[in-house]
Protein backbone atom coordinates (compact mmCIF):
# COMPACT_ATOMS: atom_id res chain seq x y z
CA UNK A 1 0.00 0.00 0.00
CA UNK A 2 1.21 3.51 -0.76
CA UNK A 3 1.50 5.95 2.09
CA UNK A 4 -0.11 9.35 1.72
CA UNK A 5 0.70 10.65 5.19
CA UNK A 6 4.36 11.67 5.24
CA UNK A 7 4.07 13.74 2.06
CA UNK A 8 0.79 15.38 3.12
CA UNK A 9 -0.40 14.97 -0.47
CA UNK A 10 -2.47 12.45 -2.37
CA UNK A 11 -0.86 9.32 -3.78
CA UNK A 12 -2.32 7.94 -7.03
CA UNK A 13 -1.84 4.26 -7.95
CA UNK A 14 -3.14 2.96 -11.30
CA UNK A 15 -5.21 -0.21 -10.86
CA UNK A 16 -6.98 -2.54 -13.27
CA UNK A 17 -10.35 -0.96 -12.43
CA UNK A 18 -9.24 2.69 -12.30
CA UNK A 19 -7.00 4.88 -10.20
CA UNK A 20 -6.69 4.19 -6.46
CA UNK A 21 -6.16 7.43 -4.53
CA UNK A 22 -4.85 7.66 -0.96
CA UNK A 23 -5.46 11.01 0.74
CA UNK A 24 -4.14 12.05 4.14
CA UNK A 25 -6.74 13.17 6.67
CA UNK A 26 -5.14 16.10 8.45
CA UNK A 27 -6.11 17.93 11.63
CA UNK A 28 -3.84 20.93 11.32
CA UNK A 29 -0.47 19.31 10.74
CA UNK A 30 -1.42 16.03 12.50
CA UNK A 31 -2.38 13.06 10.36
CA UNK A 32 -5.53 11.47 11.80
CA UNK A 33 -5.95 8.86 9.06
CA UNK A 34 -5.89 8.07 5.38
CA UNK A 35 -8.86 7.97 3.03
CA UNK A 36 -8.64 5.60 0.05
CA UNK A 37 -10.96 5.40 -2.94
CA UNK A 38 -10.91 4.30 -6.57
CA UNK A 39 -12.02 6.45 -9.49
CA UNK A 40 -12.41 5.48 -13.15
CA UNK A 41 -10.43 8.53 -14.27
CA UNK A 42 -8.65 11.39 -12.52
CA UNK A 43 -8.45 15.03 -13.54
CA UNK A 44 -7.43 18.30 -11.92
CA UNK A 45 -11.00 19.03 -10.82
CA UNK A 46 -11.18 15.59 -9.19
CA UNK A 47 -7.94 16.23 -7.31
CA UNK A 48 -9.20 19.57 -6.03
CA UNK A 49 -12.53 18.14 -4.90
CA UNK A 50 -10.90 15.13 -3.24
CA UNK A 51 -8.60 17.42 -1.21
CA UNK A 52 -11.68 19.32 -0.03
CA UNK A 53 -13.51 16.06 0.77
CA UNK A 54 -10.53 14.77 2.77
CA UNK A 55 -10.54 18.02 4.76
CA UNK A 56 -14.23 17.62 5.57
CA UNK A 57 -13.83 13.96 6.55
CA UNK A 58 -10.90 14.83 8.82
CA UNK A 59 -13.14 17.34 10.63
CA UNK A 60 -15.74 14.70 11.55
CA UNK A 61 -15.40 14.06 15.29
CA UNK A 62 -14.56 10.53 16.35
CA UNK A 63 -15.12 9.04 19.77
PDB file of N, CA and C in Angstrom:
ATOM      1  N   UNK A   1       0.841  -1.183   0.000  1.00  0.00           N
ATOM      2  CA  UNK A   1       0.000   0.000   0.000  1.00  0.00           C
ATOM      3  C   UNK A   1       0.881   1.240   0.000  1.00  0.00           C
ATOM      4  N   UNK A   2       0.491   2.236  -0.746  1.00  0.00           N
ATOM      5  CA  UNK A   2       1.205   3.510  -0.757  1.00  0.00           C
ATOM      6  C   UNK A   2       0.831   4.330   0.458  1.00  0.00           C
ATOM      7  N   UNK A   3       1.768   5.104   0.930  1.00  0.00           N
ATOM      8  CA  UNK A   3       1.504   5.953   2.090  1.00  0.00           C
ATOM      9  C   UNK A   3       1.284   7.376   1.635  1.00  0.00           C
ATOM     10  N   UNK A   4       0.187   7.976   2.070  1.00  0.00           N
ATOM     11  CA  UNK A   4      -0.107   9.351   1.723  1.00  0.00           C
ATOM     12  C   UNK A   4       0.352  10.292   2.824  1.00  0.00           C
ATOM     13  N   UNK A   5       0.464   9.812   4.032  1.00  0.00           N
ATOM     14  CA  UNK A   5       0.705  10.652   5.194  1.00  0.00           C
ATOM     15  C   UNK A   5       1.957  11.494   5.185  1.00  0.00           C
ATOM     16  N   UNK A   6       3.139  10.887   5.067  1.00  0.00           N
ATOM     17  CA  UNK A   6       4.356  11.673   5.239  1.00  0.00           C
ATOM     18  C   UNK A   6       4.507  12.823   4.248  1.00  0.00           C
ATOM     19  N   UNK A   7       3.934  12.683   3.061  1.00  0.00           N
ATOM     20  CA  UNK A   7       4.070  13.742   2.059  1.00  0.00           C
ATOM     21  C   UNK A   7       2.982  14.797   2.199  1.00  0.00           C
ATOM     22  N   UNK A   8       1.948  14.498   2.968  1.00  0.00           N
ATOM     23  CA  UNK A   8       0.794  15.381   3.119  1.00  0.00           C
ATOM     24  C   UNK A   8       0.154  15.712   1.781  1.00  0.00           C
ATOM     25  N   UNK A   9       0.268  14.793   0.816  1.00  0.00           N
ATOM     26  CA  UNK A   9      -0.396  14.967  -0.470  1.00  0.00           C
ATOM     27  C   UNK A   9      -0.952  13.623  -0.913  1.00  0.00           C
ATOM     28  N   UNK A  10      -1.841  13.667  -1.888  1.00  0.00           N
ATOM     29  CA  UNK A  10      -2.471  12.451  -2.373  1.00  0.00           C
ATOM     30  C   UNK A  10      -1.462  11.589  -3.119  1.00  0.00           C
ATOM     31  N   UNK A  11      -1.674  10.284  -3.040  1.00  0.00           N
ATOM     32  CA  UNK A  11      -0.864   9.320  -3.782  1.00  0.00           C
ATOM     33  C   UNK A  11      -1.816   8.598  -4.729  1.00  0.00           C
ATOM     34  N   UNK A  12      -1.486   8.579  -6.014  1.00  0.00           N
ATOM     35  CA  UNK A  12      -2.315   7.935  -7.027  1.00  0.00           C
ATOM     36  C   UNK A  12      -1.625   6.671  -7.514  1.00  0.00           C
ATOM     37  N   UNK A  13      -2.372   5.552  -7.513  1.00  0.00           N
ATOM     38  CA  UNK A  13      -1.837   4.265  -7.946  1.00  0.00           C
ATOM     39  C   UNK A  13      -2.765   3.680  -9.012  1.00  0.00           C
ATOM     40  N   UNK A  14      -2.306   3.579 -10.255  1.00  0.00           N
ATOM     41  CA  UNK A  14      -3.144   2.958 -11.297  1.00  0.00           C
ATOM     42  C   UNK A  14      -3.477   1.509 -10.930  1.00  0.00           C
ATOM     43  N   UNK A  15      -4.731   1.137 -11.136  1.00  0.00           N
ATOM     44  CA  UNK A  15      -5.214  -0.211 -10.862  1.00  0.00           C
ATOM     45  C   UNK A  15      -5.921  -0.715 -12.121  1.00  0.00           C
ATOM     46  N   UNK A  16      -6.259  -1.986 -12.145  1.00  0.00           N
ATOM     47  CA  UNK A  16      -6.984  -2.542 -13.273  1.00  0.00           C
ATOM     48  C   UNK A  16      -8.360  -1.928 -13.455  1.00  0.00           C
ATOM     49  N   UNK A  17      -9.000  -1.510 -12.361  1.00  0.00           N
ATOM     50  CA  UNK A  17     -10.354  -0.960 -12.428  1.00  0.00           C
ATOM     51  C   UNK A  17     -10.396   0.558 -12.325  1.00  0.00           C
ATOM     52  N   UNK A  18      -9.263   1.232 -12.378  1.00  0.00           N
ATOM     53  CA  UNK A  18      -9.244   2.693 -12.300  1.00  0.00           C
ATOM     54  C   UNK A  18      -7.985   3.189 -11.632  1.00  0.00           C
ATOM     55  N   UNK A  19      -8.121   4.278 -10.919  1.00  0.00           N
ATOM     56  CA  UNK A  19      -7.000   4.883 -10.201  1.00  0.00           C
ATOM     57  C   UNK A  19      -7.332   4.880  -8.718  1.00  0.00           C
ATOM     58  N   UNK A  20      -6.518   4.221  -7.915  1.00  0.00           N
ATOM     59  CA  UNK A  20      -6.688   4.194  -6.460  1.00  0.00           C
ATOM     60  C   UNK A  20      -5.984   5.424  -5.911  1.00  0.00           C
ATOM     61  N   UNK A  21      -6.697   6.191  -5.085  1.00  0.00           N
ATOM     62  CA  UNK A  21      -6.161   7.431  -4.533  1.00  0.00           C
ATOM     63  C   UNK A  21      -6.145   7.319  -3.010  1.00  0.00           C
ATOM     64  N   UNK A  22      -4.998   7.627  -2.415  1.00  0.00           N
ATOM     65  CA  UNK A  22      -4.846   7.665  -0.964  1.00  0.00           C
ATOM     66  C   UNK A  22      -4.652   9.124  -0.575  1.00  0.00           C
ATOM     67  N   UNK A  23      -5.516   9.623   0.308  1.00  0.00           N
ATOM     68  CA  UNK A  23      -5.459  11.014   0.739  1.00  0.00           C
ATOM     69  C   UNK A  23      -5.263  11.085   2.243  1.00  0.00           C
ATOM     70  N   UNK A  24      -4.322  11.904   2.694  1.00  0.00           N
ATOM     71  CA  UNK A  24      -4.143  12.050   4.138  1.00  0.00           C
ATOM     72  C   UNK A  24      -5.302  12.838   4.735  1.00  0.00           C
ATOM     73  N   UNK A  25      -5.732  12.428   5.910  1.00  0.00           N
ATOM     74  CA  UNK A  25      -6.735  13.165   6.671  1.00  0.00           C
ATOM     75  C   UNK A  25      -5.980  13.941   7.735  1.00  0.00           C
ATOM     76  N   UNK A  26      -5.963  15.258   7.592  1.00  0.00           N
ATOM     77  CA  UNK A  26      -5.143  16.096   8.455  1.00  0.00           C
ATOM     78  C   UNK A  26      -5.990  16.946   9.381  1.00  0.00           C
ATOM     79  N   UNK A  27      -5.546  17.020  10.638  1.00  0.00           N
ATOM     80  CA  UNK A  27      -6.109  17.935  11.627  1.00  0.00           C
ATOM     81  C   UNK A  27      -4.987  18.908  11.941  1.00  0.00           C
ATOM     82  N   UNK A  28      -4.990  20.026  11.251  1.00  0.00           N
ATOM     83  CA  UNK A  28      -3.844  20.928  11.323  1.00  0.00           C
ATOM     84  C   UNK A  28      -2.684  20.266  10.616  1.00  0.00           C
ATOM     85  N   UNK A  29      -1.602  20.020  11.333  1.00  0.00           N
ATOM     86  CA  UNK A  29      -0.468  19.307  10.735  1.00  0.00           C
ATOM     87  C   UNK A  29      -0.408  17.853  11.194  1.00  0.00           C
ATOM     88  N   UNK A  30      -1.381  17.409  12.014  1.00  0.00           N
ATOM     89  CA  UNK A  30      -1.418  16.030  12.500  1.00  0.00           C
ATOM     90  C   UNK A  30      -2.226  15.152  11.559  1.00  0.00           C
ATOM     91  N   UNK A  31      -1.654  14.009  11.184  1.00  0.00           N
ATOM     92  CA  UNK A  31      -2.383  13.058  10.364  1.00  0.00           C
ATOM     93  C   UNK A  31      -3.277  12.224  11.271  1.00  0.00           C
ATOM     94  N   UNK A  32      -4.584  12.235  10.992  1.00  0.00           N
ATOM     95  CA  UNK A  32      -5.530  11.471  11.797  1.00  0.00           C
ATOM     96  C   UNK A  32      -6.010  10.224  11.061  1.00  0.00           C
ATOM     97  N   UNK A  33      -5.572  10.041   9.823  1.00  0.00           N
ATOM     98  CA  UNK A  33      -5.954   8.861   9.063  1.00  0.00           C
ATOM     99  C   UNK A  33      -5.634   9.036   7.594  1.00  0.00           C
ATOM    100  N   UNK A  34      -6.047   8.042   6.829  1.00  0.00           N
ATOM    101  CA  UNK A  34      -5.887   8.071   5.376  1.00  0.00           C
ATOM    102  C   UNK A  34      -7.191   7.603   4.757  1.00  0.00           C
ATOM    103  N   UNK A  35      -7.666   8.339   3.768  1.00  0.00           N
ATOM    104  CA  UNK A  35      -8.865   7.967   3.029  1.00  0.00           C
ATOM    105  C   UNK A  35      -8.420   7.386   1.697  1.00  0.00           C
ATOM    106  N   UNK A  36      -8.982   6.238   1.317  1.00  0.00           N
ATOM    107  CA  UNK A  36      -8.644   5.600   0.046  1.00  0.00           C
ATOM    108  C   UNK A  36      -9.916   5.385  -0.751  1.00  0.00           C
ATOM    109  N   UNK A  37      -9.838   5.647  -2.048  1.00  0.00           N
ATOM    110  CA  UNK A  37     -10.958   5.396  -2.936  1.00  0.00           C
ATOM    111  C   UNK A  37     -10.438   5.166  -4.341  1.00  0.00           C
ATOM    112  N   UNK A  38     -11.291   4.582  -5.183  1.00  0.00           N
ATOM    113  CA  UNK A  38     -10.913   4.297  -6.565  1.00  0.00           C
ATOM    114  C   UNK A  38     -11.851   5.034  -7.496  1.00  0.00           C
ATOM    115  N   UNK A  39     -11.268   5.735  -8.463  1.00  0.00           N
ATOM    116  CA  UNK A  39     -12.021   6.450  -9.490  1.00  0.00           C
ATOM    117  C   UNK A  39     -11.702   5.850 -10.852  1.00  0.00           C
ATOM    118  N   UNK A  40     -12.656   5.955 -11.788  1.00  0.00           N
ATOM    119  CA  UNK A  40     -12.413   5.475 -13.147  1.00  0.00           C
ATOM    120  C   UNK A  40     -11.321   6.296 -13.824  1.00  0.00           C
ATOM    121  N   UNK A  41     -11.407   7.607 -13.685  1.00  0.00           N
ATOM    122  CA  UNK A  41     -10.431   8.531 -14.266  1.00  0.00           C
ATOM    123  C   UNK A  41     -10.118   9.601 -13.237  1.00  0.00           C
ATOM    124  N   UNK A  42      -9.040  10.353 -13.474  1.00  0.00           N
ATOM    125  CA  UNK A  42      -8.647  11.390 -12.524  1.00  0.00           C
ATOM    126  C   UNK A  42      -8.225  12.625 -13.299  1.00  0.00           C
ATOM    127  N   UNK A  43      -8.807  13.758 -12.933  1.00  0.00           N
ATOM    128  CA  UNK A  43      -8.451  15.032 -13.540  1.00  0.00           C
ATOM    129  C   UNK A  43      -8.148  16.051 -12.464  1.00  0.00           C
ATOM    130  N   UNK A  44      -7.758  17.245 -12.880  1.00  0.00           N
ATOM    131  CA  UNK A  44      -7.427  18.301 -11.921  1.00  0.00           C
ATOM    132  C   UNK A  44      -8.614  18.671 -11.040  1.00  0.00           C
ATOM    133  N   UNK A  45      -9.821  18.715 -11.627  1.00  0.00           N
ATOM    134  CA  UNK A  45     -11.004  19.026 -10.820  1.00  0.00           C
ATOM    135  C   UNK A  45     -11.243  17.943  -9.772  1.00  0.00           C
ATOM    136  N   UNK A  46     -11.030  16.694 -10.148  1.00  0.00           N
ATOM    137  CA  UNK A  46     -11.183  15.587  -9.186  1.00  0.00           C
ATOM    138  C   UNK A  46     -10.195  15.737  -8.033  1.00  0.00           C
ATOM    139  N   UNK A  47      -8.959  16.062  -8.351  1.00  0.00           N
ATOM    140  CA  UNK A  47      -7.937  16.225  -7.306  1.00  0.00           C
ATOM    141  C   UNK A  47      -8.320  17.338  -6.335  1.00  0.00           C
ATOM    142  N   UNK A  48      -8.794  18.441  -6.873  1.00  0.00           N
ATOM    143  CA  UNK A  48      -9.197  19.571  -6.026  1.00  0.00           C
ATOM    144  C   UNK A  48     -10.363  19.185  -5.125  1.00  0.00           C
ATOM    145  N   UNK A  49     -11.365  18.536  -5.696  1.00  0.00           N
ATOM    146  CA  UNK A  49     -12.533  18.141  -4.903  1.00  0.00           C
ATOM    147  C   UNK A  49     -12.183  17.081  -3.861  1.00  0.00           C
ATOM    148  N   UNK A  50     -11.295  16.157  -4.206  1.00  0.00           N
ATOM    149  CA  UNK A  50     -10.896  15.135  -3.242  1.00  0.00           C
ATOM    150  C   UNK A  50     -10.128  15.730  -2.071  1.00  0.00           C
ATOM    151  N   UNK A  51      -9.295  16.739  -2.324  1.00  0.00           N
ATOM    152  CA  UNK A  51      -8.600  17.420  -1.208  1.00  0.00           C
ATOM    153  C   UNK A  51      -9.621  18.075  -0.280  1.00  0.00           C
ATOM    154  N   UNK A  52     -10.646  18.694  -0.855  1.00  0.00           N
ATOM    155  CA  UNK A  52     -11.685  19.321  -0.028  1.00  0.00           C
ATOM    156  C   UNK A  52     -12.458  18.260   0.755  1.00  0.00           C
ATOM    157  N   UNK A  53     -12.791  17.138   0.095  1.00  0.00           N
ATOM    158  CA  UNK A  53     -13.510  16.059   0.770  1.00  0.00           C
ATOM    159  C   UNK A  53     -12.684  15.494   1.916  1.00  0.00           C
ATOM    160  N   UNK A  54     -11.393  15.284   1.703  1.00  0.00           N
ATOM    161  CA  UNK A  54     -10.530  14.767   2.766  1.00  0.00           C
ATOM    162  C   UNK A  54     -10.504  15.734   3.947  1.00  0.00           C
ATOM    163  N   UNK A  55     -10.495  17.030   3.680  1.00  0.00           N
ATOM    164  CA  UNK A  55     -10.538  18.018   4.756  1.00  0.00           C
ATOM    165  C   UNK A  55     -11.819  17.936   5.562  1.00  0.00           C
ATOM    166  N   UNK A  56     -12.939  17.749   4.874  1.00  0.00           N
ATOM    167  CA  UNK A  56     -14.232  17.620   5.566  1.00  0.00           C
ATOM    168  C   UNK A  56     -14.285  16.337   6.393  1.00  0.00           C
ATOM    169  N   UNK A  57     -13.815  15.229   5.823  1.00  0.00           N
ATOM    170  CA  UNK A  57     -13.825  13.957   6.548  1.00  0.00           C
ATOM    171  C   UNK A  57     -12.950  14.039   7.791  1.00  0.00           C
ATOM    172  N   UNK A  58     -11.801  14.703   7.678  1.00  0.00           N
ATOM    173  CA  UNK A  58     -10.900  14.834   8.824  1.00  0.00           C
ATOM    174  C   UNK A  58     -11.537  15.638   9.952  1.00  0.00           C
ATOM    175  N   UNK A  59     -12.481  16.515   9.618  1.00  0.00           N
ATOM    176  CA  UNK A  59     -13.136  17.341  10.635  1.00  0.00           C
ATOM    177  C   UNK A  59     -14.267  16.627  11.364  1.00  0.00           C
ATOM    178  N   UNK A  60     -14.657  15.442  10.883  1.00  0.00           N
ATOM    179  CA  UNK A  60     -15.737  14.697  11.548  1.00  0.00           C
ATOM    180  C   UNK A  60     -15.204  14.183  12.893  1.00  0.00           C
ATOM    181  N   UNK A  61     -15.877  14.519  13.977  1.00  0.00           N
ATOM    182  CA  UNK A  61     -15.398  14.062  15.292  1.00  0.00           C
ATOM    183  C   UNK A  61     -15.509  12.543  15.428  1.00  0.00           C
ATOM    184  N   UNK A  62     -14.520  11.963  16.064  1.00  0.00           N
ATOM    185  CA  UNK A  62     -14.559  10.529  16.350  1.00  0.00           C
ATOM    186  C   UNK A  62     -14.483  10.344  17.868  1.00  0.00           C
ATOM    187  N   UNK A  63     -15.121   9.289  18.322  1.00  0.00           N
ATOM    188  CA  UNK A  63     -15.119   9.044  19.768  1.00  0.00           C
ATOM    189  C   UNK A  63     -14.510   7.704  20.079  1.00  0.00           C
TER     190      UNK A  63
END
